[in-house]
Amino acid sequence: MTDPDGLAGSGARGIERLDAVVRGRVQGVGYRVFALREASYLGLAGFVANESDGSVRVVAEGPAEDLDRLLERLTDGPPAGFVDRVIDRREPARGIIGGFRIESGHHRGD
């Protein structure tokens, strides 16, 4: 299915939202800065934050292909970290404004 702008389907594999929880050794190793750099390079909007259970949450919106690239990088992680697993889901974009940022989380070690 094509929309009037020539893009197929639900945003033409267009604009989507990625909500990912990253588990492993991901706090205190620069993971949030790593995620910020990767998402900013791809031009995505959203945030990264530490969670109280030791995981890191990444929420990003943008073109589906760029979210795929971000997810690959999140799975790799920074050199000092170790990613055990990434639990992710996709949903329709909600219109995050203002680029990508680090949100204060429960741990301020990065």
PDB file of N, CA and C in Angstrom:
ATOM      1  N   MET A   1       0.851  -1.172   0.000  1.00  0.00           N
ATOM      2  CA  MET A   1       0.000   0.000   0.000  1.00  0.00           C
ATOM      3  C   MET A   1       0.895   1.233   0.000  1.00  0.00           C
ATOM      4  N   THR A   2       0.539   2.229  -0.815  1.00  0.00           N
ATOM      5  CA  THR A   2       1.351   3.428  -0.927  1.00  0.00           C
ATOM      6  C   THR A   2       0.539   4.644  -0.537  1.00  0.00           C
ATOM      7  N   ASP A   3       1.141   5.537   0.229  1.00  0.00           N
ATOM      8  CA  ASP A   3       0.448   6.760   0.599  1.00  0.00           C
ATOM      9  C   ASP A   3       0.693   7.822  -0.470  1.00  0.00           C
ATOM     10  N   PRO A   4       0.040   8.988  -0.377  1.00  0.00           N
ATOM     11  CA  PRO A   4       0.179  10.007  -1.404  1.00  0.00           C
ATOM     12  C   PRO A   4       1.613  10.491  -1.612  1.00  0.00           C
ATOM     13  N   ASP A   5       2.474  10.330  -0.641  1.00  0.00           N
ATOM     14  CA  ASP A   5       3.858  10.763  -0.790  1.00  0.00           C
ATOM     15  C   ASP A   5       4.728   9.669  -1.407  1.00  0.00           C
ATOM     16  N   GLY A   6       4.114   8.553  -1.781  1.00  0.00           N
ATOM     17  CA  GLY A   6       4.846   7.471  -2.395  1.00  0.00           C
ATOM     18  C   GLY A   6       5.513   6.538  -1.406  1.00  0.00           C
ATOM     19  N   LEU A   7       5.129   6.602  -0.162  1.00  0.00           N
ATOM     20  CA  LEU A   7       5.704   5.742   0.848  1.00  0.00           C
ATOM     21  C   LEU A   7       4.732   4.617   1.160  1.00  0.00           C
ATOM     22  N   ALA A   8       5.258   3.424   1.297  1.00  0.00           N
ATOM     23  CA  ALA A   8       4.387   2.272   1.513  1.00  0.00           C
ATOM     24  C   ALA A   8       3.975   2.125   2.964  1.00  0.00           C
ATOM     25  N   GLY A   9       2.794   1.594   3.153  1.00  0.00           N
ATOM     26  CA  GLY A   9       2.304   1.147   4.448  1.00  0.00           C
ATOM     27  C   GLY A   9       2.409   2.123   5.595  1.00  0.00           C
ATOM     28  N   SER A  10       2.424   1.581   6.808  1.00  0.00           N
ATOM     29  CA  SER A  10       2.430   2.339   8.052  1.00  0.00           C
ATOM     30  C   SER A  10       3.710   3.128   8.185  1.00  0.00           C
ATOM     31  N   GLY A  11       3.741   4.250   7.546  1.00  0.00           N
ATOM     32  CA  GLY A  11       4.923   5.060   7.583  1.00  0.00           C
ATOM     33  C   GLY A  11       5.984   4.520   6.643  1.00  0.00           C
ATOM     34  N   ALA A  12       5.657   3.638   5.719  1.00  0.00           N
ATOM     35  CA  ALA A  12       6.528   3.098   4.681  1.00  0.00           C
ATOM     36  C   ALA A  12       7.759   2.467   5.252  1.00  0.00           C
ATOM     37  N   ARG A  13       7.515   1.712   6.245  1.00  0.00           N
ATOM     38  CA  ARG A  13       8.656   1.418   7.091  1.00  0.00           C
ATOM     39  C   ARG A  13       9.221   2.794   7.303  1.00  0.00           C
ATOM     40  N   GLY A  14       8.314   3.688   7.625  1.00  0.00           N
ATOM     41  CA  GLY A  14       8.637   5.096   7.793  1.00  0.00           C
ATOM     42  C   GLY A  14       8.963   5.407   9.230  1.00  0.00           C
ATOM     43  N   ILE A  15       8.293   6.393   9.772  1.00  0.00           N
ATOM     44  CA  ILE A  15       8.591   6.854  11.118  1.00  0.00           C
ATOM     45  C   ILE A  15       7.937   5.931  12.140  1.00  0.00           C
ATOM     46  N   GLU A  16       8.754   5.375  13.017  1.00  0.00           N
ATOM     47  CA  GLU A  16       8.302   4.453  14.051  1.00  0.00           C
ATOM     48  C   GLU A  16       8.937   4.833  15.379  1.00  0.00           C
ATOM     49  N   ARG A  17       8.547   4.111  16.415  1.00  0.00           N
ATOM     50  CA  ARG A  17       9.108   4.286  17.757  1.00  0.00           C
ATOM     51  C   ARG A  17       9.725   2.966  18.190  1.00  0.00           C
ATOM     52  N   LEU A  18      10.950   3.028  18.676  1.00  0.00           N
ATOM     53  CA  LEU A  18      11.647   1.888  19.249  1.00  0.00           C
ATOM     54  C   LEU A  18      11.715   2.099  20.750  1.00  0.00           C
ATOM     55  N   ASP A  19      11.283   1.117  21.502  1.00  0.00           N
ATOM     56  CA  ASP A  19      11.398   1.148  22.954  1.00  0.00           C
ATOM     57  C   ASP A  19      12.204  -0.091  23.331  1.00  0.00           C
ATOM     58  N   ALA A  20      13.438   0.125  23.811  1.00  0.00           N
ATOM     59  CA  ALA A  20      14.340  -0.992  24.076  1.00  0.00           C
ATOM     60  C   ALA A  20      14.867  -0.947  25.505  1.00  0.00           C
ATOM     61  N   VAL A  21      14.960  -2.107  26.119  1.00  0.00           N
ATOM     62  CA  VAL A  21      15.569  -2.256  27.432  1.00  0.00           C
ATOM     63  C   VAL A  21      16.816  -3.107  27.220  1.00  0.00           C
ATOM     64  N   VAL A  22      17.955  -2.546  27.622  1.00  0.00           N
ATOM     65  CA  VAL A  22      19.242  -3.208  27.423  1.00  0.00           C
ATOM     66  C   VAL A  22      19.716  -3.750  28.767  1.00  0.00           C
ATOM     67  N   ARG A  23      20.038  -5.043  28.783  1.00  0.00           N
ATOM     68  CA  ARG A  23      20.483  -5.695  30.014  1.00  0.00           C
ATOM     69  C   ARG A  23      21.918  -6.203  29.844  1.00  0.00           C
ATOM     70  N   GLY A  24      22.635  -6.210  30.932  1.00  0.00           N
ATOM     71  CA  GLY A  24      24.032  -6.641  30.942  1.00  0.00           C
ATOM     72  C   GLY A  24      24.813  -5.692  31.821  1.00  0.00           C
ATOM     73  N   ARG A  25      26.109  -5.544  31.527  1.00  0.00           N
ATOM     74  CA  ARG A  25      26.909  -4.540  32.236  1.00  0.00           C
ATOM     75  C   ARG A  25      26.812  -3.259  31.412  1.00  0.00           C
ATOM     76  N   VAL A  26      25.767  -2.464  31.715  1.00  0.00           N
ATOM     77  CA  VAL A  26      25.456  -1.300  30.888  1.00  0.00           C
ATOM     78  C   VAL A  26      25.347  -0.005  31.689  1.00  0.00           C
ATOM     79  N   GLN A  27      25.558  -0.054  32.980  1.00  0.00           N
ATOM     80  CA  GLN A  27      25.587   1.166  33.785  1.00  0.00           C
ATOM     81  C   GLN A  27      27.003   1.369  34.300  1.00  0.00           C
ATOM     82  N   GLY A  28      27.443   2.628  34.281  1.00  0.00           N
ATOM     83  CA  GLY A  28      28.785   2.949  34.737  1.00  0.00           C
ATOM     84  C   GLY A  28      29.872   2.659  33.726  1.00  0.00           C
ATOM     85  N   VAL A  29      29.492   2.391  32.477  1.00  0.00           N
ATOM     86  CA  VAL A  29      30.460   2.065  31.423  1.00  0.00           C
ATOM     87  C   VAL A  29      30.340   2.998  30.218  1.00  0.00           C
ATOM     88  N   GLY A  30      29.588   4.085  30.360  1.00  0.00           N
ATOM     89  CA  GLY A  30      29.416   5.032  29.256  1.00  0.00           C
ATOM     90  C   GLY A  30      28.347   4.633  28.260  1.00  0.00           C
ATOM     91  N   TYR A  31      27.466   3.733  28.652  1.00  0.00           N
ATOM     92  CA  TYR A  31      26.448   3.257  27.702  1.00  0.00           C
ATOM     93  C   TYR A  31      25.500   4.372  27.269  1.00  0.00           C
ATOM     94  N   ARG A  32      25.090   5.227  28.200  1.00  0.00           N
ATOM     95  CA  ARG A  32      24.160   6.305  27.817  1.00  0.00           C
ATOM     96  C   ARG A  32      24.803   7.259  26.830  1.00  0.00           C
ATOM     97  N   VAL A  33      26.054   7.597  27.042  1.00  0.00           N
ATOM     98  CA  VAL A  33      26.763   8.481  26.109  1.00  0.00           C
ATOM     99  C   VAL A  33      26.916   7.796  24.753  1.00  0.00           C
ATOM    100  N   PHE A  34      27.220   6.504  24.779  1.00  0.00           N
ATOM    101  CA  PHE A  34      27.314   5.713  23.559  1.00  0.00           C
ATOM    102  C   PHE A  34      25.989   5.756  22.785  1.00  0.00           C
ATOM    103  N   ALA A  35      24.887   5.496  23.477  1.00  0.00           N
ATOM    104  CA  ALA A  35      23.569   5.501  22.832  1.00  0.00           C
ATOM    105  C   ALA A  35      23.234   6.893  22.289  1.00  0.00           C
ATOM    106  N   LEU A  36      23.559   7.926  23.049  1.00  0.00           N
ATOM    107  CA  LEU A  36      23.336   9.305  22.601  1.00  0.00           C
ATOM    108  C   LEU A  36      24.091   9.575  21.315  1.00  0.00           C
ATOM    109  N   ARG A  37      25.348   9.207  21.278  1.00  0.00           N
ATOM    110  CA  ARG A  37      26.167   9.439  20.086  1.00  0.00           C
ATOM    111  C   ARG A  37      25.605   8.695  18.871  1.00  0.00           C
ATOM    112  N   GLU A  38      25.253   7.433  19.056  1.00  0.00           N
ATOM    113  CA  GLU A  38      24.741   6.624  17.941  1.00  0.00           C
ATOM    114  C   GLU A  38      23.408   7.159  17.425  1.00  0.00           C
ATOM    115  N   ALA A  39      22.490   7.476  18.343  1.00  0.00           N
ATOM    116  CA  ALA A  39      21.167   7.973  17.939  1.00  0.00           C
ATOM    117  C   ALA A  39      21.272   9.348  17.301  1.00  0.00           C
ATOM    118  N   SER A  40      22.131  10.198  17.833  1.00  0.00           N
ATOM    119  CA  SER A  40      22.312  11.533  17.269  1.00  0.00           C
ATOM    120  C   SER A  40      22.895  11.451  15.867  1.00  0.00           C
ATOM    121  N   TYR A  41      23.864  10.567  15.666  1.00  0.00           N
ATOM    122  CA  TYR A  41      24.463  10.364  14.347  1.00  0.00           C
ATOM    123  C   TYR A  41      23.397   9.977  13.320  1.00  0.00           C
ATOM    124  N   LEU A  42      22.420   9.181  13.758  1.00  0.00           N
ATOM    125  CA  LEU A  42      21.343   8.742  12.858  1.00  0.00           C
ATOM    126  C   LEU A  42      20.219   9.763  12.744  1.00  0.00           C
ATOM    127  N   GLY A  43      20.290  10.843  13.517  1.00  0.00           N
ATOM    128  CA  GLY A  43      19.267  11.886  13.441  1.00  0.00           C
ATOM    129  C   GLY A  43      17.960  11.513  14.119  1.00  0.00           C
ATOM    130  N   LEU A  44      18.030  10.636  15.111  1.00  0.00           N
ATOM    131  CA  LEU A  44      16.824  10.176  15.792  1.00  0.00           C
ATOM    132  C   LEU A  44      16.468  11.089  16.958  1.00  0.00           C
ATOM    133  N   ALA A  45      15.209  11.085  17.328  1.00  0.00           N
ATOM    134  CA  ALA A  45      14.731  11.807  18.514  1.00  0.00           C
ATOM    135  C   ALA A  45      14.431  10.795  19.599  1.00  0.00           C
ATOM    136  N   GLY A  46      14.585  11.213  20.861  1.00  0.00           N
ATOM    137  CA  GLY A  46      14.261  10.313  21.956  1.00  0.00           C
ATOM    138  C   GLY A  46      15.153  10.526  23.143  1.00  0.00           C
ATOM    139  N   PHE A  47      15.330   9.432  23.923  1.00  0.00           N
ATOM    140  CA  PHE A  47      16.137   9.541  25.134  1.00  0.00           C
ATOM    141  C   PHE A  47      16.709   8.188  25.527  1.00  0.00           C
ATOM    142  N   VAL A  48      17.713   8.258  26.387  1.00  0.00           N
ATOM    143  CA  VAL A  48      18.294   7.074  27.016  1.00  0.00           C
ATOM    144  C   VAL A  48      18.366   7.363  28.506  1.00  0.00           C
ATOM    145  N   ALA A  49      18.056   6.361  29.330  1.00  0.00           N
ATOM    146  CA  ALA A  49      18.057   6.553  30.776  1.00  0.00           C
ATOM    147  C   ALA A  49      18.405   5.248  31.478  1.00  0.00           C
ATOM    148  N   ASN A  50      19.122   5.360  32.591  1.00  0.00           N
ATOM    149  CA  ASN A  50      19.367   4.210  33.445  1.00  0.00           C
ATOM    150  C   ASN A  50      18.093   3.876  34.208  1.00  0.00           C
ATOM    151  N   GLU A  51      17.891   2.600  34.442  1.00  0.00           N
ATOM    152  CA  GLU A  51      16.749   2.121  35.217  1.00  0.00           C
ATOM    153  C   GLU A  51      17.251   1.596  36.563  1.00  0.00           C
ATOM    154  N   SER A  52      16.379   1.563  37.539  1.00  0.00           N
ATOM    155  CA  SER A  52      16.775   1.149  38.891  1.00  0.00           C
ATOM    156  C   SER A  52      17.187  -0.315  38.979  1.00  0.00           C
ATOM    157  N   ASP A  53      16.797  -1.148  38.012  1.00  0.00           N
ATOM    158  CA  ASP A  53      17.161  -2.566  38.045  1.00  0.00           C
ATOM    159  C   ASP A  53      18.516  -2.849  37.397  1.00  0.00           C
ATOM    160  N   GLY A  54      19.238  -1.791  36.990  1.00  0.00           N
ATOM    161  CA  GLY A  54      20.553  -1.957  36.370  1.00  0.00           C
ATOM    162  C   GLY A  54      20.533  -1.984  34.862  1.00  0.00           C
ATOM    163  N   SER A  55      19.356  -1.946  34.261  1.00  0.00           N
ATOM    164  CA  SER A  55      19.244  -1.917  32.810  1.00  0.00           C
ATOM    165  C   SER A  55      19.276  -0.471  32.314  1.00  0.00           C
ATOM    166  N   VAL A  56      19.314  -0.314  31.008  1.00  0.00           N
ATOM    167  CA  VAL A  56      19.235   0.988  30.366  1.00  0.00           C
ATOM    168  C   VAL A  56      18.060   0.943  29.402  1.00  0.00           C
ATOM    169  N   ARG A  57      17.254   1.991  29.411  1.00  0.00           N
ATOM    170  CA  ARG A  57      16.104   2.086  28.509  1.00  0.00           C
ATOM    171  C   ARG A  57      16.413   3.112  27.428  1.00  0.00           C
ATOM    172  N   VAL A  58      16.137   2.733  26.191  1.00  0.00           N
ATOM    173  CA  VAL A  58      16.327   3.611  25.045  1.00  0.00           C
ATOM    174  C   VAL A  58      14.993   3.728  24.318  1.00  0.00           C
ATOM    175  N   VAL A  59      14.530   4.955  24.146  1.00  0.00           N
ATOM    176  CA  VAL A  59      13.325   5.225  23.374  1.00  0.00           C
ATOM    177  C   VAL A  59      13.738   6.155  22.247  1.00  0.00           C
ATOM    178  N   ALA A  60      13.484   5.742  21.017  1.00  0.00           N
ATOM    179  CA  ALA A  60      13.888   6.538  19.861  1.00  0.00           C
ATOM    180  C   ALA A  60      12.802   6.520  18.801  1.00  0.00           C
ATOM    181  N   GLU A  61      12.677   7.628  18.088  1.00  0.00           N
ATOM    182  CA  GLU A  61      11.746   7.721  16.972  1.00  0.00           C
ATOM    183  C   GLU A  61      12.481   8.208  15.739  1.00  0.00           C
ATOM    184  N   GLY A  62      12.086   7.634  14.614  1.00  0.00           N
ATOM    185  CA  GLY A  62      12.675   8.022  13.352  1.00  0.00           C
ATOM    186  C   GLY A  62      12.354   6.991  12.294  1.00  0.00           C
ATOM    187  N   PRO A  63      13.019   7.082  11.140  1.00  0.00           N
ATOM    188  CA  PRO A  63      12.796   6.103  10.072  1.00  0.00           C
ATOM    189  C   PRO A  63      13.138   4.691  10.540  1.00  0.00           C
ATOM    190  N   ALA A  64      12.325   3.747  10.153  1.00  0.00           N
ATOM    191  CA  ALA A  64      12.488   2.364  10.593  1.00  0.00           C
ATOM    192  C   ALA A  64      13.887   1.823  10.311  1.00  0.00           C
ATOM    193  N   GLU A  65      14.445   2.161   9.153  1.00  0.00           N
ATOM    194  CA  GLU A  65      15.773   1.666   8.795  1.00  0.00           C
ATOM    195  C   GLU A  65      16.827   2.193   9.767  1.00  0.00           C
ATOM    196  N   ASP A  66      16.681   3.438  10.196  1.00  0.00           N
ATOM    197  CA  ASP A  66      17.629   4.006  11.153  1.00  0.00           C
ATOM    198  C   ASP A  66      17.443   3.393  12.540  1.00  0.00           C
ATOM    199  N   LEU A  67      16.206   3.076  12.893  1.00  0.00           N
ATOM    200  CA  LEU A  67      15.967   2.384  14.159  1.00  0.00           C
ATOM    201  C   LEU A  67      16.595   0.991  14.132  1.00  0.00           C
ATOM    202  N   ASP A  68      16.546   0.324  12.980  1.00  0.00           N
ATOM    203  CA  ASP A  68      17.202  -0.975  12.830  1.00  0.00           C
ATOM    204  C   ASP A  68      18.702  -0.839  13.079  1.00  0.00           C
ATOM    205  N   ARG A  69      19.303   0.207  12.501  1.00  0.00           N
ATOM    206  CA  ARG A  69      20.742   0.445  12.690  1.00  0.00           C
ATOM    207  C   ARG A  69      21.059   0.724  14.157  1.00  0.00           C
ATOM    208  N   LEU A  70      20.222   1.549  14.788  1.00  0.00           N
ATOM    209  CA  LEU A  70      20.437   1.845  16.205  1.00  0.00           C
ATOM    210  C   LEU A  70      20.356   0.568  17.034  1.00  0.00           C
ATOM    211  N   LEU A  71      19.374  -0.262  16.768  1.00  0.00           N
ATOM    212  CA  LEU A  71      19.209  -1.505  17.520  1.00  0.00           C
ATOM    213  C   LEU A  71      20.442  -2.396  17.386  1.00  0.00           C
ATOM    214  N   GLU A  72      21.016  -2.463  16.197  1.00  0.00           N
ATOM    215  CA  GLU A  72      22.253  -3.229  16.004  1.00  0.00           C
ATOM    216  C   GLU A  72      23.366  -2.685  16.883  1.00  0.00           C
ATOM    217  N   ARG A  73      23.515  -1.362  16.915  1.00  0.00           N
ATOM    218  CA  ARG A  73      24.566  -0.730  17.717  1.00  0.00           C
ATOM    219  C   ARG A  73      24.307  -0.919  19.211  1.00  0.00           C
ATOM    220  N   LEU A  74      23.034  -0.824  19.621  1.00  0.00           N
ATOM    221  CA  LEU A  74      22.708  -1.028  21.036  1.00  0.00           C
ATOM    222  C   LEU A  74      23.073  -2.435  21.470  1.00  0.00           C
ATOM    223  N   THR A  75      22.920  -3.387  20.593  1.00  0.00           N
ATOM    224  CA  THR A  75      23.247  -4.773  20.886  1.00  0.00           C
ATOM    225  C   THR A  75      24.758  -4.954  21.032  1.00  0.00           C
ATOM    226  N   ASP A  76      25.532  -4.205  20.255  1.00  0.00           N
ATOM    227  CA  ASP A  76      26.991  -4.250  20.370  1.00  0.00           C
ATOM    228  C   ASP A  76      27.454  -3.566  21.654  1.00  0.00           C
ATOM    229  N   GLY A  77      26.941  -2.369  21.912  1.00  0.00           N
ATOM    230  CA  GLY A  77      27.317  -1.604  23.090  1.00  0.00           C
ATOM    231  C   GLY A  77      28.706  -1.014  23.003  1.00  0.00           C
ATOM    232  N   PRO A  78      29.076  -0.215  24.002  1.00  0.00           N
ATOM    233  CA  PRO A  78      30.410   0.399  24.022  1.00  0.00           C
ATOM    234  C   PRO A  78      31.467  -0.626  24.436  1.00  0.00           C
ATOM    235  N   PRO A  79      32.752  -0.340  24.149  1.00  0.00           N
ATOM    236  CA  PRO A  79      33.816  -1.302  24.470  1.00  0.00           C
ATOM    237  C   PRO A  79      33.867  -1.719  25.940  1.00  0.00           C
ATOM    238  N   ALA A  80      33.590  -0.815  26.863  1.00  0.00           N
ATOM    239  CA  ALA A  80      33.692  -1.143  28.296  1.00  0.00           C
ATOM    240  C   ALA A  80      32.483  -1.907  28.820  1.00  0.00           C
ATOM    241  N   GLY A  81      31.416  -1.968  28.039  1.00  0.00           N
ATOM    242  CA  GLY A  81      30.198  -2.628  28.493  1.00  0.00           C
ATOM    243  C   GLY A  81      30.083  -4.044  27.984  1.00  0.00           C
ATOM    244  N   PHE A  82      29.042  -4.697  28.437  1.00  0.00           N
ATOM    245  CA  PHE A  82      28.709  -6.031  27.959  1.00  0.00           C
ATOM    246  C   PHE A  82      27.196  -6.123  27.882  1.00  0.00           C
ATOM    247  N   VAL A  83      26.682  -6.353  26.688  1.00  0.00           N
ATOM    248  CA  VAL A  83      25.237  -6.461  26.490  1.00  0.00           C
ATOM    249  C   VAL A  83      24.859  -7.930  26.512  1.00  0.00           C
ATOM    250  N   ASP A  84      24.030  -8.278  27.477  1.00  0.00           N
ATOM    251  CA  ASP A  84      23.529  -9.643  27.592  1.00  0.00           C
ATOM    252  C   ASP A  84      22.365  -9.849  26.636  1.00  0.00           C
ATOM    253  N   ARG A  85      21.442  -8.874  26.629  1.00  0.00           N
ATOM    254  CA  ARG A  85      20.291  -8.968  25.722  1.00  0.00           C
ATOM    255  C   ARG A  85      19.613  -7.609  25.616  1.00  0.00           C
ATOM    256  N   VAL A  86      18.884  -7.456  24.514  1.00  0.00           N
ATOM    257  CA  VAL A  86      18.088  -6.255  24.284  1.00  0.00           C
ATOM    258  C   VAL A  86      16.658  -6.710  24.032  1.00  0.00           C
ATOM    259  N   ILE A  87      15.758  -6.198  24.844  1.00  0.00           N
ATOM    260  CA  ILE A  87      14.334  -6.500  24.689  1.00  0.00           C
ATOM    261  C   ILE A  87      13.725  -5.263  24.033  1.00  0.00           C
ATOM    262  N   ASP A  88      13.208  -5.442  22.823  1.00  0.00           N
ATOM    263  CA  ASP A  88      12.716  -4.271  22.095  1.00  0.00           C
ATOM    264  C   ASP A  88      11.313  -4.496  21.562  1.00  0.00           C
ATOM    265  N   ARG A  89      10.646  -3.377  21.356  1.00  0.00           N
ATOM    266  CA  ARG A  89       9.338  -3.420  20.701  1.00  0.00           C
ATOM    267  C   ARG A  89       9.204  -2.179  19.841  1.00  0.00           C
ATOM    268  N   ARG A  90       8.396  -2.300  18.816  1.00  0.00           N
ATOM    269  CA  ARG A  90       8.115  -1.187  17.916  1.00  0.00           C
ATOM    270  C   ARG A  90       6.656  -0.798  18.067  1.00  0.00           C
ATOM    271  N   GLU A  91       6.406   0.472  17.913  1.00  0.00           N
ATOM    272  CA  GLU A  91       5.040   0.979  17.960  1.00  0.00           C
ATOM    273  C   GLU A  91       4.985   2.243  17.119  1.00  0.00           C
ATOM    274  N   PRO A  92       3.800   2.778  16.886  1.00  0.00           N
ATOM    275  CA  PRO A  92       3.706   4.016  16.119  1.00  0.00           C
ATOM    276  C   PRO A  92       4.419   5.159  16.841  1.00  0.00           C
ATOM    277  N   ALA A  93       5.025   6.027  16.064  1.00  0.00           N
ATOM    278  CA  ALA A  93       5.701   7.198  16.638  1.00  0.00           C
ATOM    279  C   ALA A  93       4.684   8.086  17.340  1.00  0.00           C
ATOM    280  N   ARG A  94       5.141   8.747  18.403  1.00  0.00           N
ATOM    281  CA  ARG A  94       4.285   9.661  19.155  1.00  0.00           C
ATOM    282  C   ARG A  94       4.679  11.112  18.952  1.00  0.00           C
ATOM    283  N   GLY A  95       5.749  11.337  18.219  1.00  0.00           N
ATOM    284  CA  GLY A  95       6.152  12.699  17.923  1.00  0.00           C
ATOM    285  C   GLY A  95       7.072  13.317  18.954  1.00  0.00           C
ATOM    286  N   ILE A  96       8.128  12.621  19.330  1.00  0.00           N
ATOM    287  CA  ILE A  96       9.115  13.178  20.255  1.00  0.00           C
ATOM    288  C   ILE A  96       9.768  14.379  19.588  1.00  0.00           C
ATOM    289  N   ILE A  97       9.886  15.447  20.336  1.00  0.00           N
ATOM    290  CA  ILE A  97      10.473  16.681  19.816  1.00  0.00           C
ATOM    291  C   ILE A  97      11.777  16.965  20.548  1.00  0.00           C
ATOM    292  N   GLY A  98      12.734  17.526  19.836  1.00  0.00           N
ATOM    293  CA  GLY A  98      13.923  18.029  20.510  1.00  0.00           C
ATOM    294  C   GLY A  98      15.162  17.166  20.422  1.00  0.00           C
ATOM    295  N   GLY A  99      15.295  16.327  19.433  1.00  0.00           N
ATOM    296  CA  GLY A  99      16.504  15.535  19.291  1.00  0.00           C
ATOM    297  C   GLY A  99      16.589  14.398  20.292  1.00  0.00           C
ATOM    298  N   PHE A 100      17.807  13.917  20.497  1.00  0.00           N
ATOM    299  CA  PHE A 100      18.040  12.791  21.393  1.00  0.00           C
ATOM    300  C   PHE A 100      18.789  13.298  22.607  1.00  0.00           C
ATOM    301  N   ARG A 101      18.436  12.786  23.793  1.00  0.00           N
ATOM    302  CA  ARG A 101      19.035  13.300  25.025  1.00  0.00           C
ATOM    303  C   ARG A 101      19.225  12.180  26.054  1.00  0.00           C
ATOM    304  N   ILE A 102      20.075  12.469  27.018  1.00  0.00           N
ATOM    305  CA  ILE A 102      20.236  11.595  28.171  1.00  0.00           C
ATOM    306  C   ILE A 102      19.310  12.122  29.249  1.00  0.00           C
ATOM    307  N   GLU A 103      18.488  11.244  29.775  1.00  0.00           N
ATOM    308  CA  GLU A 103      17.628  11.623  30.891  1.00  0.00           C
ATOM    309  C   GLU A 103      18.267  11.117  32.168  1.00  0.00           C
ATOM    310  N   SER A 104      18.121  11.891  33.218  1.00  0.00           N
ATOM    311  CA  SER A 104      18.689  11.434  34.483  1.00  0.00           C
ATOM    312  C   SER A 104      17.965  10.159  34.881  1.00  0.00           C
ATOM    313  N   GLY A 105      18.735   9.232  35.335  1.00  0.00           N
ATOM    314  CA  GLY A 105      18.159   7.962  35.747  1.00  0.00           C
ATOM    315  C   GLY A 105      18.474   7.701  37.191  1.00  0.00           C
ATOM    316  N   HIS A 106      18.374   6.476  37.561  1.00  0.00           N
ATOM    317  CA  HIS A 106      18.590   6.100  38.948  1.00  0.00           C
ATOM    318  C   HIS A 106      20.078   5.997  39.280  1.00  0.00           C
ATOM    319  N   HIS A 107      20.927   5.971  38.261  1.00  0.00           N
ATOM    320  CA  HIS A 107      22.366   5.851  38.470  1.00  0.00           C
ATOM    321  C   HIS A 107      23.045   6.961  37.678  1.00  0.00           C
ATOM    322  N   ARG A 108      23.933   7.680  38.274  1.00  0.00           N
ATOM    323  CA  ARG A 108      24.598   8.782  37.591  1.00  0.00           C
ATOM    324  C   ARG A 108      26.060   8.455  37.288  1.00  0.00           C
ATOM    325  N   GLY A 109      26.352   7.205  37.007  1.00  0.00           N
ATOM    326  CA  GLY A 109      27.732   6.790  36.851  1.00  0.00           C
ATOM    327  C   GLY A 109      28.371   7.019  35.501  1.00  0.00           C
ATOM    328  N   ASP A 110      27.650   7.472  34.493  1.00  0.00           N
ATOM    329  CA  ASP A 110      28.271   7.677  33.180  1.00  0.00           C
ATOM    330  C   ASP A 110      28.646   9.138  33.035  1.00  0.00           C
TER     331      ASP A 110
END
